Amino acid sequence: MSELATLKTEGDVSIITLDDGKANVFSYPMLETLQKILSEIPKDKGSVIITGRDGMFSGGFDLKTFASGDVDLIKNMSSLGFKTLFDLYTFPRPVVAAISGHAVALGIFVVCCCDYRIGIDGEFVVQANEVRNNMDIPVPIMEIAASRVDKQHIYRALFHADPYKMSDAVSAGWIDEVVSSPEDLMTRAMEKAEDLATLGHPMYQKTKEVFQQDIVEKIQANLPNPSDSPSFVSV
């Protein structure tokens, strides 16, 4: 398995760590690796933590791929990105985001797919910066993000693409809580994940499906056709 992302298990908790050595961008190889990992994690027990490298959860899609002009690669990366978001959002067991640093663009949308989200107080920001980069936010991603972000922050967070400090991201709905230091992040994430791992199956899955039903239907109705132009390309 590629080292772009790794999987380890501690008790009933599966821990996914993203680390490309740089901005943790969701390139096609990163997404392929993450998909392989997700296929290996139990769907009927336990819980999951997804985290990044120190100082960087993820900087979003690989913009170099978009700039390459390789239409097939752009389509493949975009399509797999949408699939990965959907798979995380609908994952049948609890998923905890341990936000190890900046979470920008697709990075914050991955965070939104998780069932509980923990950040680090201090210098790091979360931001959906698409509009500021002359990109739109497609319906599937908008539905996921809008289901998390507080209504009073929708314009600032999504339409105006404002950055949020972690401490401000809680009231905005981007995340659920912050810890005081990087050293505390995984301790708190494990504590939460171990608790959530005790929730029964399939009761958790069924409850999640009931809540997500309308959103999932909208996402599925608006998933891009592979023959369509890539949704994230600047216009």
C-alpha atoms as a PDB file:
ATOM      1  CA  MET A   1       0.000   0.000   0.000  1.00  0.00           C
ATOM      2  CA  SER A   2       1.156   3.466  -0.803  1.00  0.00           C
ATOM      3  CA  GLU A   3       2.335   5.554   2.137  1.00  0.00           C
ATOM      4  CA  LEU A   4       0.176   8.482   1.056  1.00  0.00           C
ATOM      5  CA  ALA A   5      -2.283   7.189   3.636  1.00  0.00           C
ATOM      6  CA  THR A   6      -1.897   4.474   6.222  1.00  0.00           C
ATOM      7  CA  LEU A   7      -4.161   2.380   8.407  1.00  0.00           C
ATOM      8  CA  LYS A   8      -3.570   1.064  11.893  1.00  0.00           C
ATOM      9  CA  THR A   9      -5.901  -0.458  14.440  1.00  0.00           C
ATOM     10  CA  GLU A  10      -6.075   0.113  18.182  1.00  0.00           C
ATOM     11  CA  GLY A  11      -8.722  -2.085  19.736  1.00  0.00           C
ATOM     12  CA  ASP A  12     -11.999  -1.346  17.960  1.00  0.00           C
ATOM     13  CA  VAL A  13     -10.725   1.897  16.430  1.00  0.00           C
ATOM     14  CA  SER A  14      -9.344   2.076  12.876  1.00  0.00           C
ATOM     15  CA  ILE A  15      -7.000   5.047  12.432  1.00  0.00           C
ATOM     16  CA  ILE A  16      -6.416   6.505   8.952  1.00  0.00           C
ATOM     17  CA  THR A  17      -3.489   8.917   8.636  1.00  0.00           C
ATOM     18  CA  LEU A  18      -3.058  11.057   5.522  1.00  0.00           C
ATOM     19  CA  ASP A  19       0.527  12.092   4.854  1.00  0.00           C
ATOM     20  CA  ASP A  20       1.949  12.983   1.460  1.00  0.00           C
ATOM     21  CA  GLY A  21       4.766  14.934   3.111  1.00  0.00           C
ATOM     22  CA  LYS A  22       3.351  18.235   1.877  1.00  0.00           C
ATOM     23  CA  ALA A  23      -0.180  19.656   1.801  1.00  0.00           C
ATOM     24  CA  ASN A  24      -1.982  16.285   1.925  1.00  0.00           C
ATOM     25  CA  VAL A  25      -3.769  17.024  -1.328  1.00  0.00           C
ATOM     26  CA  PHE A  26      -6.364  14.630  -2.636  1.00  0.00           C
ATOM     27  CA  SER A  27      -4.617  13.546  -5.805  1.00  0.00           C
ATOM     28  CA  TYR A  28      -5.879  10.524  -7.688  1.00  0.00           C
ATOM     29  CA  PRO A  29      -3.281   8.248  -6.004  1.00  0.00           C
ATOM     30  CA  MET A  30      -4.221   9.615  -2.548  1.00  0.00           C
ATOM     31  CA  LEU A  31      -7.911   8.981  -3.239  1.00  0.00           C
ATOM     32  CA  GLU A  32      -7.188   5.480  -4.559  1.00  0.00           C
ATOM     33  CA  THR A  33      -5.251   4.699  -1.401  1.00  0.00           C
ATOM     34  CA  LEU A  34      -7.994   6.062   0.823  1.00  0.00           C
ATOM     35  CA  GLN A  35     -10.594   4.015  -1.042  1.00  0.00           C
ATOM     36  CA  LYS A  36      -8.532   0.849  -0.521  1.00  0.00           C
ATOM     37  CA  ILE A  37      -8.239   1.603   3.183  1.00  0.00           C
ATOM     38  CA  LEU A  38     -11.977   2.202   3.536  1.00  0.00           C
ATOM     39  CA  SER A  39     -12.639  -1.163   1.910  1.00  0.00           C
ATOM     40  CA  GLU A  40     -10.546  -2.858   4.620  1.00  0.00           C
ATOM     41  CA  ILE A  41     -12.256  -1.288   7.642  1.00  0.00           C
ATOM     42  CA  PRO A  42     -15.074  -3.217   9.381  1.00  0.00           C
ATOM     43  CA  LYS A  43     -18.529  -1.883   8.505  1.00  0.00           C
ATOM     44  CA  ASP A  44     -20.369  -3.683  11.310  1.00  0.00           C
ATOM     45  CA  LYS A  45     -18.344  -2.800  14.395  1.00  0.00           C
ATOM     46  CA  GLY A  46     -15.907  -0.290  15.859  1.00  0.00           C
ATOM     47  CA  SER A  47     -15.241   3.275  14.762  1.00  0.00           C
ATOM     48  CA  VAL A  48     -12.819   5.235  12.579  1.00  0.00           C
ATOM     49  CA  ILE A  49     -10.471   8.181  13.073  1.00  0.00           C
ATOM     50  CA  ILE A  50      -9.183  10.106  10.069  1.00  0.00           C
ATOM     51  CA  THR A  51      -6.319  12.519  10.637  1.00  0.00           C
ATOM     52  CA  GLY A  52      -3.480  14.194   8.762  1.00  0.00           C
ATOM     53  CA  ARG A  53       0.135  15.118   9.211  1.00  0.00           C
ATOM     54  CA  ASP A  54       1.303  17.637  11.812  1.00  0.00           C
ATOM     55  CA  GLY A  55       0.064  21.096  10.832  1.00  0.00           C
ATOM     56  CA  MET A  56      -1.947  19.946   7.809  1.00  0.00           C
ATOM     57  CA  PHE A  57      -5.104  17.904   7.656  1.00  0.00           C
ATOM     58  CA  SER A  58      -5.555  18.541   3.927  1.00  0.00           C
ATOM     59  CA  GLY A  59      -5.229  21.364   1.422  1.00  0.00           C
ATOM     60  CA  GLY A  60      -7.960  19.917  -0.819  1.00  0.00           C
ATOM     61  CA  PHE A  61      -7.925  18.547  -4.338  1.00  0.00           C
ATOM     62  CA  ASP A  62      -4.604  18.410  -6.190  1.00  0.00           C
ATOM     63  CA  LEU A  63      -4.656  21.705  -8.105  1.00  0.00           C
ATOM     64  CA  LYS A  64      -1.669  20.605 -10.193  1.00  0.00           C
ATOM     65  CA  THR A  65      -3.896  17.967 -11.730  1.00  0.00           C
ATOM     66  CA  PHE A  66      -6.484  20.596 -12.641  1.00  0.00           C
ATOM     67  CA  ALA A  67      -3.748  22.799 -14.127  1.00  0.00           C
ATOM     68  CA  SER A  68      -2.301  19.909 -16.139  1.00  0.00           C
ATOM     69  CA  GLY A  69      -5.058  20.036 -18.745  1.00  0.00           C
ATOM     70  CA  ASP A  70      -5.273  16.226 -18.694  1.00  0.00           C
ATOM     71  CA  VAL A  71      -9.051  15.952 -19.018  1.00  0.00           C
ATOM     72  CA  ASP A  72      -9.232  12.223 -18.317  1.00  0.00           C
ATOM     73  CA  LEU A  73      -7.123  12.495 -15.177  1.00  0.00           C
ATOM     74  CA  ILE A  74      -9.123  15.511 -13.995  1.00  0.00           C
ATOM     75  CA  LYS A  75     -12.392  13.633 -14.512  1.00  0.00           C
ATOM     76  CA  ASN A  76     -11.077  10.523 -12.763  1.00  0.00           C
ATOM     77  CA  MET A  77      -9.774  12.499  -9.786  1.00  0.00           C
ATOM     78  CA  SER A  78     -12.989  14.526  -9.477  1.00  0.00           C
ATOM     79  CA  SER A  79     -15.195  11.454  -9.759  1.00  0.00           C
ATOM     80  CA  LEU A  80     -13.198   9.535  -7.165  1.00  0.00           C
ATOM     81  CA  GLY A  81     -13.239  12.581  -4.907  1.00  0.00           C
ATOM     82  CA  PHE A  82     -17.046  12.701  -5.004  1.00  0.00           C
ATOM     83  CA  LYS A  83     -17.227   8.956  -4.348  1.00  0.00           C
ATOM     84  CA  THR A  84     -14.857   9.239  -1.385  1.00  0.00           C
ATOM     85  CA  LEU A  85     -16.901  12.041   0.170  1.00  0.00           C
ATOM     86  CA  PHE A  86     -20.083  10.024  -0.274  1.00  0.00           C
ATOM     87  CA  ASP A  87     -18.520   6.881   1.181  1.00  0.00           C
ATOM     88  CA  LEU A  88     -17.262   8.767   4.234  1.00  0.00           C
ATOM     89  CA  TYR A  89     -20.528  10.643   4.734  1.00  0.00           C
ATOM     90  CA  THR A  90     -22.590   7.432   4.614  1.00  0.00           C
ATOM     91  CA  PHE A  91     -20.058   5.186   6.383  1.00  0.00           C
ATOM     92  CA  PRO A  92     -22.109   2.837   8.586  1.00  0.00           C
ATOM     93  CA  ARG A  93     -19.902   3.218  11.660  1.00  0.00           C
ATOM     94  CA  PRO A  94     -18.925   6.435  13.515  1.00  0.00           C
ATOM     95  CA  VAL A  95     -16.117   8.457  11.934  1.00  0.00           C
ATOM     96  CA  VAL A  96     -14.102  10.988  13.967  1.00  0.00           C
ATOM     97  CA  ALA A  97     -12.026  13.715  12.299  1.00  0.00           C
ATOM     98  CA  ALA A  98      -8.854  14.558  14.206  1.00  0.00           C
ATOM     99  CA  ILE A  99      -8.030  17.802  12.419  1.00  0.00           C
ATOM    100  CA  SER A 100      -4.260  17.953  12.755  1.00  0.00           C
ATOM    101  CA  GLY A 101      -3.827  21.334  11.057  1.00  0.00           C
ATOM    102  CA  HIS A 102      -5.267  23.407   8.239  1.00  0.00           C
ATOM    103  CA  ALA A 103      -8.339  21.936   6.526  1.00  0.00           C
ATOM    104  CA  VAL A 104      -9.044  23.761   3.268  1.00  0.00           C
ATOM    105  CA  ALA A 105     -11.315  23.149   0.249  1.00  0.00           C
ATOM    106  CA  LEU A 106     -11.901  19.398  -0.114  1.00  0.00           C
ATOM    107  CA  GLY A 107     -10.076  19.010   3.201  1.00  0.00           C
ATOM    108  CA  ILE A 108     -12.853  20.758   5.134  1.00  0.00           C
ATOM    109  CA  PHE A 109     -15.499  18.900   3.146  1.00  0.00           C
ATOM    110  CA  VAL A 110     -13.928  15.592   4.212  1.00  0.00           C
ATOM    111  CA  VAL A 111     -14.149  16.886   7.771  1.00  0.00           C
ATOM    112  CA  CYS A 112     -17.845  17.629   7.183  1.00  0.00           C
ATOM    113  CA  CYS A 113     -18.385  13.997   6.210  1.00  0.00           C
ATOM    114  CA  CYS A 114     -17.289  12.828   9.647  1.00  0.00           C
ATOM    115  CA  ASP A 115     -19.657  12.252  12.547  1.00  0.00           C
ATOM    116  CA  TYR A 116     -17.549  14.078  15.134  1.00  0.00           C
ATOM    117  CA  ARG A 117     -14.857  16.657  14.409  1.00  0.00           C
ATOM    118  CA  ILE A 118     -12.040  17.797  16.698  1.00  0.00           C
ATOM    119  CA  GLY A 119      -9.642  20.663  15.932  1.00  0.00           C
ATOM    120  CA  ILE A 120      -6.630  22.273  17.596  1.00  0.00           C
ATOM    121  CA  ASP A 121      -6.901  25.738  19.109  1.00  0.00           C
ATOM    122  CA  GLY A 122      -4.392  28.235  17.726  1.00  0.00           C
ATOM    123  CA  GLU A 123      -3.028  29.119  14.326  1.00  0.00           C
ATOM    124  CA  PHE A 124      -4.830  26.634  12.100  1.00  0.00           C
ATOM    125  CA  VAL A 125      -7.789  27.534   9.876  1.00  0.00           C
ATOM    126  CA  VAL A 126     -10.623  25.788   8.102  1.00  0.00           C
ATOM    127  CA  GLN A 127     -11.906  27.254   4.866  1.00  0.00           C
ATOM    128  CA  ALA A 128     -14.067  26.413   1.885  1.00  0.00           C
ATOM    129  CA  ASN A 129     -12.112  28.629  -0.484  1.00  0.00           C
ATOM    130  CA  GLU A 130     -13.630  27.538  -3.807  1.00  0.00           C
ATOM    131  CA  VAL A 131     -15.453  30.761  -4.670  1.00  0.00           C
ATOM    132  CA  ARG A 132     -12.332  32.840  -3.964  1.00  0.00           C
ATOM    133  CA  ASN A 133     -10.494  30.591  -6.427  1.00  0.00           C
ATOM    134  CA  ASN A 134     -13.102  31.043  -9.184  1.00  0.00           C
ATOM    135  CA  MET A 135     -14.615  27.618  -8.578  1.00  0.00           C
ATOM    136  CA  ASP A 136     -18.138  26.625  -7.703  1.00  0.00           C
ATOM    137  CA  ILE A 137     -19.304  24.203  -5.017  1.00  0.00           C
ATOM    138  CA  PRO A 138     -21.254  21.386  -6.699  1.00  0.00           C
ATOM    139  CA  VAL A 139     -24.566  20.197  -5.273  1.00  0.00           C
ATOM    140  CA  PRO A 140     -23.280  16.977  -3.610  1.00  0.00           C
ATOM    141  CA  ILE A 141     -20.624  18.870  -1.671  1.00  0.00           C
ATOM    142  CA  MET A 142     -22.915  21.797  -0.897  1.00  0.00           C
ATOM    143  CA  GLU A 143     -25.484  19.414   0.569  1.00  0.00           C
ATOM    144  CA  ILE A 144     -22.909  17.835   2.880  1.00  0.00           C
ATOM    145  CA  ALA A 145     -21.410  21.159   3.959  1.00  0.00           C
ATOM    146  CA  ALA A 146     -24.782  22.858   4.455  1.00  0.00           C
ATOM    147  CA  SER A 147     -25.907  19.989   6.691  1.00  0.00           C
ATOM    148  CA  ARG A 148     -23.038  20.863   9.055  1.00  0.00           C
ATOM    149  CA  VAL A 149     -22.568  24.634   8.900  1.00  0.00           C
ATOM    150  CA  ASP A 150     -24.799  26.767  11.114  1.00  0.00           C
ATOM    151  CA  LYS A 151     -27.373  28.642   9.004  1.00  0.00           C
ATOM    152  CA  GLN A 152     -26.129  31.993  10.306  1.00  0.00           C
ATOM    153  CA  HIS A 153     -22.706  31.207   8.819  1.00  0.00           C
ATOM    154  CA  ILE A 154     -23.737  29.778   5.432  1.00  0.00           C
ATOM    155  CA  TYR A 155     -22.996  32.973   3.508  1.00  0.00           C
ATOM    156  CA  ARG A 156     -19.679  33.640   5.240  1.00  0.00           C
ATOM    157  CA  ALA A 157     -18.485  30.060   5.178  1.00  0.00           C
ATOM    158  CA  LEU A 158     -19.615  28.915   1.726  1.00  0.00           C
ATOM    159  CA  PHE A 159     -20.585  31.889  -0.461  1.00  0.00           C
ATOM    160  CA  HIS A 160     -17.946  34.339   0.807  1.00  0.00           C
ATOM    161  CA  ALA A 161     -15.284  31.662   1.437  1.00  0.00           C
ATOM    162  CA  ASP A 162     -14.150  33.196   4.742  1.00  0.00           C
ATOM    163  CA  PRO A 163     -11.405  31.436   6.698  1.00  0.00           C
ATOM    164  CA  TYR A 164     -12.213  30.397  10.269  1.00  0.00           C
ATOM    165  CA  LYS A 165      -9.893  29.908  13.189  1.00  0.00           C
ATOM    166  CA  MET A 166     -10.510  26.602  14.925  1.00  0.00           C
ATOM    167  CA  SER A 167     -11.905  28.378  17.971  1.00  0.00           C
ATOM    168  CA  ASP A 168     -14.471  30.147  15.770  1.00  0.00           C
ATOM    169  CA  ALA A 169     -15.203  27.058  13.695  1.00  0.00           C
ATOM    170  CA  VAL A 170     -17.174  25.449  16.523  1.00  0.00           C
ATOM    171  CA  SER A 171     -19.913  28.081  16.630  1.00  0.00           C
ATOM    172  CA  ALA A 172     -19.948  28.088  12.813  1.00  0.00           C
ATOM    173  CA  GLY A 173     -20.657  24.354  12.800  1.00  0.00           C
ATOM    174  CA  TRP A 174     -17.545  23.351  10.891  1.00  0.00           C
ATOM    175  CA  ILE A 175     -16.265  21.356  13.882  1.00  0.00           C
ATOM    176  CA  ASP A 176     -17.558  20.101  17.246  1.00  0.00           C
ATOM    177  CA  GLU A 177     -14.763  20.919  19.671  1.00  0.00           C
ATOM    178  CA  VAL A 178     -11.169  22.085  19.989  1.00  0.00           C
ATOM    179  CA  VAL A 179      -8.320  20.842  22.135  1.00  0.00           C
ATOM    180  CA  SER A 180      -5.608  23.093  23.497  1.00  0.00           C
ATOM    181  CA  SER A 181      -2.571  21.548  21.799  1.00  0.00           C
ATOM    182  CA  PRO A 182      -1.506  19.113  19.064  1.00  0.00           C
ATOM    183  CA  GLU A 183      -0.388  16.702  21.775  1.00  0.00           C
ATOM    184  CA  ASP A 184      -3.951  16.483  23.078  1.00  0.00           C
ATOM    185  CA  LEU A 185      -5.551  15.841  19.693  1.00  0.00           C
ATOM    186  CA  MET A 186      -5.163  12.094  19.303  1.00  0.00           C
ATOM    187  CA  THR A 187      -5.766  11.477  22.995  1.00  0.00           C
ATOM    188  CA  ARG A 188      -9.140  13.188  22.757  1.00  0.00           C
ATOM    189  CA  ALA A 189      -9.905  11.617  19.357  1.00  0.00           C
ATOM    190  CA  MET A 190      -9.217   8.143  20.725  1.00  0.00           C
ATOM    191  CA  GLU A 191     -11.348   8.837  23.776  1.00  0.00           C
ATOM    192  CA  LYS A 192     -14.265   9.878  21.564  1.00  0.00           C
ATOM    193  CA  ALA A 193     -13.752   7.086  19.031  1.00  0.00           C
ATOM    194  CA  GLU A 194     -13.593   4.420  21.729  1.00  0.00           C
ATOM    195  CA  ASP A 195     -16.870   5.667  23.162  1.00  0.00           C
ATOM    196  CA  LEU A 196     -18.577   5.787  19.767  1.00  0.00           C
ATOM    197  CA  ALA A 197     -17.287   2.300  18.963  1.00  0.00           C
ATOM    198  CA  THR A 198     -19.584   0.952  21.674  1.00  0.00           C
ATOM    199  CA  LEU A 199     -22.712   2.092  19.801  1.00  0.00           C
ATOM    200  CA  GLY A 200     -24.683  -0.875  18.538  1.00  0.00           C
ATOM    201  CA  HIS A 201     -24.863  -2.153  14.979  1.00  0.00           C
ATOM    202  CA  PRO A 202     -26.991  -1.864  12.885  1.00  0.00           C
ATOM    203  CA  MET A 203     -28.818   0.639  15.104  1.00  0.00           C
ATOM    204  CA  TYR A 204     -26.255   3.366  14.515  1.00  0.00           C
ATOM    205  CA  GLN A 205     -26.285   2.798  10.770  1.00  0.00           C
ATOM    206  CA  LYS A 206     -30.091   2.810  10.564  1.00  0.00           C
ATOM    207  CA  THR A 207     -30.384   5.979  12.636  1.00  0.00           C
ATOM    208  CA  LYS A 208     -27.789   7.692  10.442  1.00  0.00           C
ATOM    209  CA  GLU A 209     -29.586   6.582   7.283  1.00  0.00           C
ATOM    210  CA  VAL A 210     -32.898   8.035   8.501  1.00  0.00           C
ATOM    211  CA  PHE A 211     -31.299  11.411   9.209  1.00  0.00           C
ATOM    212  CA  GLN A 212     -29.341  11.491   5.950  1.00  0.00           C
ATOM    213  CA  GLN A 213     -32.053  10.158   3.616  1.00  0.00           C
ATOM    214  CA  ASP A 214     -33.081  13.450   1.974  1.00  0.00           C
ATOM    215  CA  ILE A 215     -29.484  14.648   1.655  1.00  0.00           C
ATOM    216  CA  VAL A 216     -28.311  11.329   0.209  1.00  0.00           C
ATOM    217  CA  GLU A 217     -31.093  11.410  -2.394  1.00  0.00           C
ATOM    218  CA  LYS A 218     -30.069  14.921  -3.473  1.00  0.00           C
ATOM    219  CA  ILE A 219     -26.418  13.886  -3.650  1.00  0.00           C
ATOM    220  CA  GLN A 220     -27.157  10.805  -5.733  1.00  0.00           C
ATOM    221  CA  ALA A 221     -29.363  12.807  -8.095  1.00  0.00           C
ATOM    222  CA  ASN A 222     -26.546  15.283  -8.721  1.00  0.00           C
ATOM    223  CA  LEU A 223     -23.446  13.125  -8.891  1.00  0.00           C
ATOM    224  CA  PRO A 224     -21.492  14.078 -12.016  1.00  0.00           C
ATOM    225  CA  ASN A 225     -21.652  11.889 -15.060  1.00  0.00           C
ATOM    226  CA  PRO A 226     -18.146  10.685 -16.020  1.00  0.00           C
ATOM    227  CA  SER A 227     -18.678  12.252 -19.463  1.00  0.00           C
ATOM    228  CA  ASP A 228     -19.415  15.684 -17.962  1.00  0.00           C
ATOM    229  CA  SER A 229     -16.854  18.446 -17.641  1.00  0.00           C
ATOM    230  CA  PRO A 230     -15.052  18.334 -14.280  1.00  0.00           C
ATOM    231  CA  SER A 231     -17.003  20.363 -11.721  1.00  0.00           C
ATOM    232  CA  PHE A 232     -14.030  21.861  -9.915  1.00  0.00           C
ATOM    233  CA  VAL A 233     -12.221  23.367 -12.888  1.00  0.00           C
ATOM    234  CA  SER A 234     -11.980  27.158 -12.857  1.00  0.00           C
ATOM    235  CA  VAL A 235     -14.280  28.885 -15.381  1.00  0.00           C
END
